Amino acid sequence: MMEDVVFYDTLRQGLWISVVISTPILFVALLSGVVVGLFQALTSIQEMTLTFVPKLAAIVAVFWVSMGFMTESLSSYFADRLVPLIEAM
């Protein structure tokens, strides 16, 4: 049986990994949304696809660039933290 401390520490570490992995994508989505919103406010263009397409393109580009980092982070968390806990049971 797993102790509560180990369970909560593993959960905390998993949540922190998810925050670290999602930060680049969320930051780029926020930045591109602000830039496109500023552009729309300056030019008075209120087209809905103008906000969606650049943000989606930026998110896909950052996801493609950071995919190796994300995969390595999740793999190391699984191999270093979860596999030993599963083996101990």
N, C-alpha and C. Protein backbone atom coordinates (compact mmCIF):
# COMPACT_ATOMS: atom_id res chain seq x y z
N MET A 1 0.83 -1.19 0.00
CA MET A 1 0.00 0.00 0.00
C MET A 1 0.88 1.25 0.00
N MET A 2 0.52 2.21 -0.82
CA MET A 2 1.29 3.43 -0.95
C MET A 2 0.94 4.40 0.18
N GLU A 3 1.97 5.04 0.74
CA GLU A 3 1.73 6.01 1.79
C GLU A 3 1.14 7.29 1.19
N ASP A 4 0.44 8.04 2.02
CA ASP A 4 -0.18 9.27 1.55
C ASP A 4 0.84 10.29 1.08
N VAL A 5 1.97 10.36 1.76
CA VAL A 5 3.01 11.32 1.41
C VAL A 5 3.54 11.05 0.01
N VAL A 6 3.79 9.79 -0.29
CA VAL A 6 4.30 9.42 -1.61
C VAL A 6 3.26 9.71 -2.68
N PHE A 7 2.01 9.41 -2.38
CA PHE A 7 0.94 9.66 -3.34
C PHE A 7 0.82 11.15 -3.66
N TYR A 8 0.77 11.97 -2.63
CA TYR A 8 0.60 13.40 -2.84
C TYR A 8 1.82 14.04 -3.48
N ASP A 9 3.01 13.55 -3.15
CA ASP A 9 4.22 14.07 -3.78
C ASP A 9 4.26 13.70 -5.26
N THR A 10 3.85 12.50 -5.60
CA THR A 10 3.79 12.09 -6.99
C THR A 10 2.75 12.89 -7.76
N LEU A 11 1.61 13.12 -7.15
CA LEU A 11 0.57 13.94 -7.76
C LEU A 11 1.04 15.37 -7.96
N ARG A 12 1.71 15.94 -6.95
CA ARG A 12 2.22 17.30 -7.05
C ARG A 12 3.25 17.42 -8.16
N GLN A 13 4.13 16.45 -8.25
CA GLN A 13 5.16 16.47 -9.28
C GLN A 13 4.53 16.31 -10.67
N GLY A 14 3.53 15.49 -10.81
CA GLY A 14 2.84 15.34 -12.09
C GLY A 14 2.12 16.59 -12.52
N LEU A 15 1.49 17.27 -11.57
CA LEU A 15 0.83 18.54 -11.89
C LEU A 15 1.85 19.61 -12.27
N TRP A 16 3.00 19.62 -11.60
CA TRP A 16 4.03 20.60 -11.95
C TRP A 16 4.58 20.33 -13.35
N ILE A 17 4.78 19.07 -13.70
CA ILE A 17 5.23 18.73 -15.05
C ILE A 17 4.22 19.21 -16.08
N SER A 18 2.94 19.05 -15.81
CA SER A 18 1.92 19.51 -16.76
C SER A 18 1.92 21.02 -16.90
N VAL A 19 2.19 21.74 -15.82
CA VAL A 19 2.28 23.20 -15.90
C VAL A 19 3.49 23.61 -16.73
N VAL A 20 4.62 22.98 -16.49
CA VAL A 20 5.85 23.31 -17.22
C VAL A 20 5.69 23.00 -18.71
N ILE A 21 5.05 21.90 -19.02
CA ILE A 21 4.87 21.50 -20.42
C ILE A 21 3.91 22.44 -21.15
N SER A 22 2.86 22.88 -20.48
CA SER A 22 1.86 23.70 -21.15
C SER A 22 2.21 25.18 -21.21
N THR A 23 3.19 25.62 -20.45
CA THR A 23 3.53 27.05 -20.40
C THR A 23 3.92 27.65 -21.75
N PRO A 24 4.79 27.03 -22.55
CA PRO A 24 5.13 27.67 -23.84
C PRO A 24 3.93 27.87 -24.75
N ILE A 25 3.06 26.90 -24.82
CA ILE A 25 1.90 27.01 -25.71
C ILE A 25 0.94 28.08 -25.20
N LEU A 26 0.70 28.11 -23.91
CA LEU A 26 -0.21 29.11 -23.35
C LEU A 26 0.36 30.52 -23.48
N PHE A 27 1.67 30.66 -23.30
CA PHE A 27 2.30 31.97 -23.44
C PHE A 27 2.20 32.49 -24.87
N VAL A 28 2.44 31.63 -25.85
CA VAL A 28 2.35 32.04 -27.25
C VAL A 28 0.90 32.35 -27.63
N ALA A 29 -0.04 31.58 -27.12
CA ALA A 29 -1.46 31.86 -27.39
C ALA A 29 -1.85 33.22 -26.82
N LEU A 30 -1.40 33.52 -25.62
CA LEU A 30 -1.68 34.81 -25.01
C LEU A 30 -1.03 35.95 -25.79
N LEU A 31 0.23 35.77 -26.14
CA LEU A 31 0.96 36.81 -26.86
C LEU A 31 0.36 37.07 -28.24
N SER A 32 0.06 36.01 -28.98
CA SER A 32 -0.53 36.20 -30.31
C SER A 32 -1.93 36.79 -30.21
N GLY A 33 -2.69 36.44 -29.20
CA GLY A 33 -4.01 37.03 -29.01
C GLY A 33 -3.94 38.51 -28.73
N VAL A 34 -2.97 38.94 -27.92
CA VAL A 34 -2.80 40.36 -27.63
C VAL A 34 -2.35 41.12 -28.88
N VAL A 35 -1.43 40.54 -29.63
CA VAL A 35 -0.94 41.20 -30.85
C VAL A 35 -2.06 41.34 -31.88
N VAL A 36 -2.82 40.29 -32.10
CA VAL A 36 -3.91 40.34 -33.07
C VAL A 36 -5.01 41.28 -32.57
N GLY A 37 -5.30 41.27 -31.28
CA GLY A 37 -6.29 42.18 -30.73
C GLY A 37 -5.86 43.63 -30.88
N LEU A 38 -4.59 43.89 -30.65
CA LEU A 38 -4.07 45.25 -30.84
C LEU A 38 -4.15 45.66 -32.30
N PHE A 39 -3.80 44.74 -33.20
CA PHE A 39 -3.91 45.02 -34.63
C PHE A 39 -5.35 45.31 -35.03
N GLN A 40 -6.28 44.53 -34.51
CA GLN A 40 -7.70 44.76 -34.82
C GLN A 40 -8.18 46.09 -34.27
N ALA A 41 -7.73 46.46 -33.08
CA ALA A 41 -8.15 47.73 -32.51
C ALA A 41 -7.58 48.91 -33.28
N LEU A 42 -6.35 48.76 -33.76
CA LEU A 42 -5.73 49.86 -34.50
C LEU A 42 -6.30 50.03 -35.90
N THR A 43 -6.71 48.94 -36.53
CA THR A 43 -7.20 49.01 -37.91
C THR A 43 -8.71 48.93 -38.02
N SER A 44 -9.41 48.72 -36.92
CA SER A 44 -10.87 48.58 -36.90
C SER A 44 -11.38 47.43 -37.77
N ILE A 45 -10.56 46.41 -37.92
CA ILE A 45 -10.98 45.20 -38.63
C ILE A 45 -11.51 44.23 -37.59
N GLN A 46 -12.77 43.84 -37.72
CA GLN A 46 -13.39 42.96 -36.73
C GLN A 46 -13.77 41.61 -37.36
N GLU A 47 -12.82 40.99 -37.99
CA GLU A 47 -13.04 39.68 -38.62
C GLU A 47 -12.72 38.59 -37.60
N MET A 48 -13.64 37.64 -37.43
CA MET A 48 -13.45 36.58 -36.42
C MET A 48 -12.32 35.63 -36.78
N THR A 49 -12.15 35.33 -38.06
CA THR A 49 -11.08 34.40 -38.44
C THR A 49 -9.71 35.04 -38.27
N LEU A 50 -9.64 36.35 -38.22
CA LEU A 50 -8.36 37.02 -38.02
C LEU A 50 -7.79 36.72 -36.64
N THR A 51 -8.63 36.49 -35.66
CA THR A 51 -8.13 36.14 -34.33
C THR A 51 -7.81 34.66 -34.22
N PHE A 52 -8.54 33.84 -34.95
CA PHE A 52 -8.40 32.39 -34.80
C PHE A 52 -7.20 31.83 -35.56
N VAL A 53 -7.05 32.20 -36.80
CA VAL A 53 -6.02 31.58 -37.65
C VAL A 53 -4.60 31.89 -37.18
N PRO A 54 -4.22 33.15 -36.91
CA PRO A 54 -2.84 33.38 -36.43
C PRO A 54 -2.56 32.71 -35.08
N LYS A 55 -3.54 32.70 -34.21
CA LYS A 55 -3.33 32.06 -32.91
C LYS A 55 -3.14 30.55 -33.09
N LEU A 56 -3.94 29.94 -33.93
CA LEU A 56 -3.80 28.51 -34.19
C LEU A 56 -2.45 28.19 -34.83
N ALA A 57 -2.03 29.02 -35.78
CA ALA A 57 -0.73 28.81 -36.44
C ALA A 57 0.42 28.94 -35.45
N ALA A 58 0.34 29.93 -34.56
CA ALA A 58 1.39 30.10 -33.56
C ALA A 58 1.43 28.93 -32.58
N ILE A 59 0.27 28.46 -32.17
CA ILE A 59 0.21 27.33 -31.24
C ILE A 59 0.78 26.07 -31.89
N VAL A 60 0.42 25.82 -33.14
CA VAL A 60 0.93 24.64 -33.84
C VAL A 60 2.44 24.73 -34.01
N ALA A 61 2.95 25.92 -34.34
CA ALA A 61 4.40 26.09 -34.51
C ALA A 61 5.15 25.85 -33.21
N VAL A 62 4.64 26.40 -32.11
CA VAL A 62 5.32 26.20 -30.82
C VAL A 62 5.20 24.76 -30.37
N PHE A 63 4.07 24.14 -30.62
CA PHE A 63 3.92 22.73 -30.27
C PHE A 63 4.92 21.88 -31.05
N TRP A 64 5.09 22.18 -32.32
CA TRP A 64 6.02 21.41 -33.14
C TRP A 64 7.46 21.60 -32.66
N VAL A 65 7.81 22.82 -32.29
CA VAL A 65 9.17 23.10 -31.83
C VAL A 65 9.42 22.47 -30.45
N SER A 66 8.45 22.53 -29.56
CA SER A 66 8.67 22.06 -28.19
C SER A 66 8.22 20.62 -27.95
N MET A 67 7.88 19.91 -29.00
CA MET A 67 7.40 18.54 -28.83
C MET A 67 8.46 17.61 -28.24
N GLY A 68 9.71 17.81 -28.61
CA GLY A 68 10.79 16.99 -28.05
C GLY A 68 10.95 17.21 -26.56
N PHE A 69 10.88 18.47 -26.14
CA PHE A 69 10.97 18.80 -24.71
C PHE A 69 9.80 18.19 -23.94
N MET A 70 8.62 18.28 -24.51
CA MET A 70 7.44 17.73 -23.84
C MET A 70 7.55 16.21 -23.70
N THR A 71 7.96 15.56 -24.76
CA THR A 71 8.09 14.11 -24.74
C THR A 71 9.16 13.67 -23.74
N GLU A 72 10.29 14.37 -23.75
CA GLU A 72 11.36 14.02 -22.82
C GLU A 72 10.94 14.24 -21.38
N SER A 73 10.22 15.31 -21.10
CA SER A 73 9.77 15.59 -19.73
C SER A 73 8.80 14.51 -19.24
N LEU A 74 7.84 14.16 -20.08
CA LEU A 74 6.88 13.13 -19.67
C LEU A 74 7.52 11.75 -19.55
N SER A 75 8.42 11.44 -20.47
CA SER A 75 9.10 10.14 -20.41
C SER A 75 9.97 10.02 -19.17
N SER A 76 10.70 11.08 -18.85
CA SER A 76 11.57 11.01 -17.67
C SER A 76 10.74 10.96 -16.39
N TYR A 77 9.61 11.68 -16.35
CA TYR A 77 8.73 11.60 -15.17
C TYR A 77 8.19 10.19 -15.02
N PHE A 78 7.77 9.60 -16.11
CA PHE A 78 7.23 8.24 -16.05
C PHE A 78 8.30 7.24 -15.63
N ALA A 79 9.48 7.35 -16.26
CA ALA A 79 10.55 6.37 -15.98
C ALA A 79 11.16 6.56 -14.60
N ASP A 80 11.33 7.81 -14.17
CA ASP A 80 12.01 8.06 -12.90
C ASP A 80 11.08 7.99 -11.69
N ARG A 81 9.80 8.29 -11.89
CA ARG A 81 8.91 8.40 -10.75
C ARG A 81 7.85 7.29 -10.71
N LEU A 82 7.15 7.08 -11.82
CA LEU A 82 6.01 6.16 -11.79
C LEU A 82 6.41 4.69 -11.90
N VAL A 83 7.37 4.39 -12.75
CA VAL A 83 7.77 2.99 -12.91
C VAL A 83 8.32 2.41 -11.60
N PRO A 84 9.18 3.12 -10.86
CA PRO A 84 9.62 2.55 -9.57
C PRO A 84 8.46 2.36 -8.58
N LEU A 85 7.48 3.24 -8.61
CA LEU A 85 6.33 3.07 -7.71
C LEU A 85 5.49 1.86 -8.11
N ILE A 86 5.34 1.65 -9.42
CA ILE A 86 4.59 0.49 -9.88
C ILE A 86 5.33 -0.80 -9.56
N GLU A 87 6.66 -0.79 -9.74
CA GLU A 87 7.46 -1.98 -9.43
C GLU A 87 7.44 -2.30 -7.95
N ALA A 88 7.34 -1.28 -7.10
CA ALA A 88 7.35 -1.51 -5.65
C ALA A 88 6.07 -2.13 -5.16
N MET A 89 5.01 -2.01 -5.93
CA MET A 89 3.73 -2.58 -5.50
C MET A 89 3.73 -4.02 -5.77
